[in-house]
Each structure stands twice: as C-alpha cells, then as structure tokens.
C-alpha atoms as a PDB file:
ATOM      1  CA  UNK A   1       0.045   0.359  -0.011  1.00  0.00           C
ATOM      2  CA  UNK A   2       1.245   3.344  -1.044  1.00  0.00           C
ATOM      3  CA  UNK A   3       0.959   6.150   1.694  1.00  0.00           C
ATOM      4  CA  UNK A   4      -1.058   8.707   0.554  1.00  0.00           C
ATOM      5  CA  UNK A   5      -0.484  12.262   2.276  1.00  0.00           C
ATOM      6  CA  UNK A   6      -3.871  13.750   1.147  1.00  0.00           C
ATOM      7  CA  UNK A   7      -5.706  11.041   3.965  1.00  0.00           C
ATOM      8  CA  UNK A   8      -3.380  11.136   6.933  1.00  0.00           C
ATOM      9  CA  UNK A   9      -1.567   8.744   8.962  1.00  0.00           C
ATOM     10  CA  UNK A  10      -4.765   6.751  10.478  1.00  0.00           C
ATOM     11  CA  UNK A  11      -6.942   6.793   7.265  1.00  0.00           C
ATOM     12  CA  UNK A  12      -5.069   5.308   4.369  1.00  0.00           C
ATOM     13  CA  UNK A  13      -7.430   2.710   3.672  1.00  0.00           C
ATOM     14  CA  UNK A  14     -11.506   2.607   3.186  1.00  0.00           C
ATOM     15  CA  UNK A  15     -11.807   1.073   6.054  1.00  0.00           C
ATOM     16  CA  UNK A  16      -9.869   3.450   8.072  1.00  0.00           C
ATOM     17  CA  UNK A  17     -11.526   6.413   6.674  1.00  0.00           C
ATOM     18  CA  UNK A  18     -15.126   5.117   7.503  1.00  0.00           C
ATOM     19  CA  UNK A  19     -13.726   4.579  11.216  1.00  0.00           C
ATOM     20  CA  UNK A  20     -12.540   8.200  11.128  1.00  0.00           C
ATOM     21  CA  UNK A  21     -15.927   9.578   9.888  1.00  0.00           C
ATOM     22  CA  UNK A  22     -17.439   7.547  12.402  1.00  0.00           C
ATOM     23  CA  UNK A  23     -15.871   8.835  15.312  1.00  0.00           C
ATOM     24  CA  UNK A  24     -16.100  12.423  13.669  1.00  0.00           C
ATOM     25  CA  UNK A  25     -19.735  11.770  13.664  1.00  0.00           C
ATOM     26  CA  UNK A  26     -19.534  10.533  17.493  1.00  0.00           C
ATOM     27  CA  UNK A  27     -17.667  13.360  18.823  1.00  0.00           C
ATOM     28  CA  UNK A  28     -19.912  15.926  17.256  1.00  0.00           C
ATOM     29  CA  UNK A  29     -23.041  14.121  16.560  1.00  0.00           C
ATOM     30  CA  UNK A  30     -25.759  17.282  16.038  1.00  0.00           C
ATOM     31  CA  UNK A  31     -23.161  18.664  13.179  1.00  0.00           C
ATOM     32  CA  UNK A  32     -23.476  15.382  11.681  1.00  0.00           C
ATOM     33  CA  UNK A  33     -27.416  14.281  12.528  1.00  0.00           C
ATOM     34  CA  UNK A  34     -29.075  16.014   9.566  1.00  0.00           C
ATOM     35  CA  UNK A  35     -26.855  15.991   6.352  1.00  0.00           C
ATOM     36  CA  UNK A  36     -28.902  16.465   2.418  1.00  0.00           C
ATOM     37  CA  UNK A  37     -28.417  13.378   0.377  1.00  0.00           C
ATOM     38  CA  UNK A  38     -25.857  15.291  -1.124  1.00  0.00           C
ATOM     39  CA  UNK A  39     -23.692  15.505   1.831  1.00  0.00           C
ATOM     40  CA  UNK A  40     -24.036  12.027   2.442  1.00  0.00           C
ATOM     41  CA  UNK A  41     -22.677  11.248  -0.638  1.00  0.00           C
ATOM     42  CA  UNK A  42     -19.618  13.325  -0.282  1.00  0.00           C
ATOM     43  CA  UNK A  43     -18.953  10.896   2.821  1.00  0.00           C
ATOM     44  CA  UNK A  44     -19.329   8.163   0.608  1.00  0.00           C
ATOM     45  CA  UNK A  45     -16.784   9.418  -1.726  1.00  0.00           C
ATOM     46  CA  UNK A  46     -14.379   9.991   0.988  1.00  0.00           C
ATOM     47  CA  UNK A  47     -14.167   7.105   2.162  1.00  0.00           C
ATOM     48  CA  UNK A  48     -14.196   5.337  -0.944  1.00  0.00           C
ATOM     49  CA  UNK A  49     -11.034   7.510  -1.348  1.00  0.00           C
ATOM     50  CA  UNK A  50     -12.125   9.883  -3.937  1.00  0.00           C
ATOM     51  CA  UNK A  51     -12.010  12.858  -2.069  1.00  0.00           C
ATOM     52  CA  UNK A  52      -9.922  13.993   0.754  1.00  0.00           C
ATOM     53  CA  UNK A  53     -11.219  15.925   4.038  1.00  0.00           C
ATOM     54  CA  UNK A  54     -10.578  18.757   2.934  1.00  0.00           C
ATOM     55  CA  UNK A  55     -12.146  18.437  -0.354  1.00  0.00           C
ATOM     56  CA  UNK A  56     -15.175  17.338   1.191  1.00  0.00           C
ATOM     57  CA  UNK A  57     -15.261  20.119   3.646  1.00  0.00           C
ATOM     58  CA  UNK A  58     -14.947  22.454   0.899  1.00  0.00           C
ATOM     59  CA  UNK A  59     -17.896  21.131  -1.314  1.00  0.00           C
ATOM     60  CA  UNK A  60     -19.670  20.619   1.639  1.00  0.00           C
ATOM     61  CA  UNK A  61     -19.512  24.549   2.652  1.00  0.00           C
ATOM     62  CA  UNK A  62     -20.162  25.037  -0.911  1.00  0.00           C
ATOM     63  CA  UNK A  63     -23.237  23.119  -0.973  1.00  0.00           C
ATOM     64  CA  UNK A  64     -24.831  24.799   2.208  1.00  0.00           C
ATOM     65  CA  UNK A  65     -24.179  28.199   0.812  1.00  0.00           C
ATOM     66  CA  UNK A  66     -26.083  27.094  -2.498  1.00  0.00           C
ATOM     67  CA  UNK A  67     -29.050  25.471  -0.276  1.00  0.00           C
ATOM     68  CA  UNK A  68     -29.446  28.376   1.975  1.00  0.00           C
ATOM     69  CA  UNK A  69     -29.297  30.958  -0.828  1.00  0.00           C
ATOM     70  CA  UNK A  70     -32.302  28.877  -2.164  1.00  0.00           C
ATOM     71  CA  UNK A  71     -34.415  29.010   1.168  1.00  0.00           C
END
C-alpha cells in the first residue's frame, strides 16, 4: 500500500476512513445528524478514496451556501 498524504496516517484505507468518519460523527453528533443526500454522497466518496477530507469540507460548505441561498 502506498502512503497518500492527503488522507493522513490514520486514514489510508477505506476501512480506516470509515472509522475516522464514524469517530467524527460520534464526537459531534449535532453537526452530522442532519446531512443532505448530497453531503452523504460526499462522505461516501471520502470513504471510497475519491475525495480528501479537505475536499469534502470545501464541497460541503459550497453545497450548504447554495441551499441557504435557495431557502
């Protein structure tokens, strides 16, 4: 397995990324309790290794800004 800096030392495999995401959800459940299907898809792409967490955060912020403007 090649080490990829964009995931950090504890999130190199999909299993590790799923665990990291689960830990973040447990640490701050109110932040993660109401996620849109779009944001849930970003989380899935993170676990699959398609996106880094930094990319997920950027895209999530963009998604939330767009939905806020629509309401």
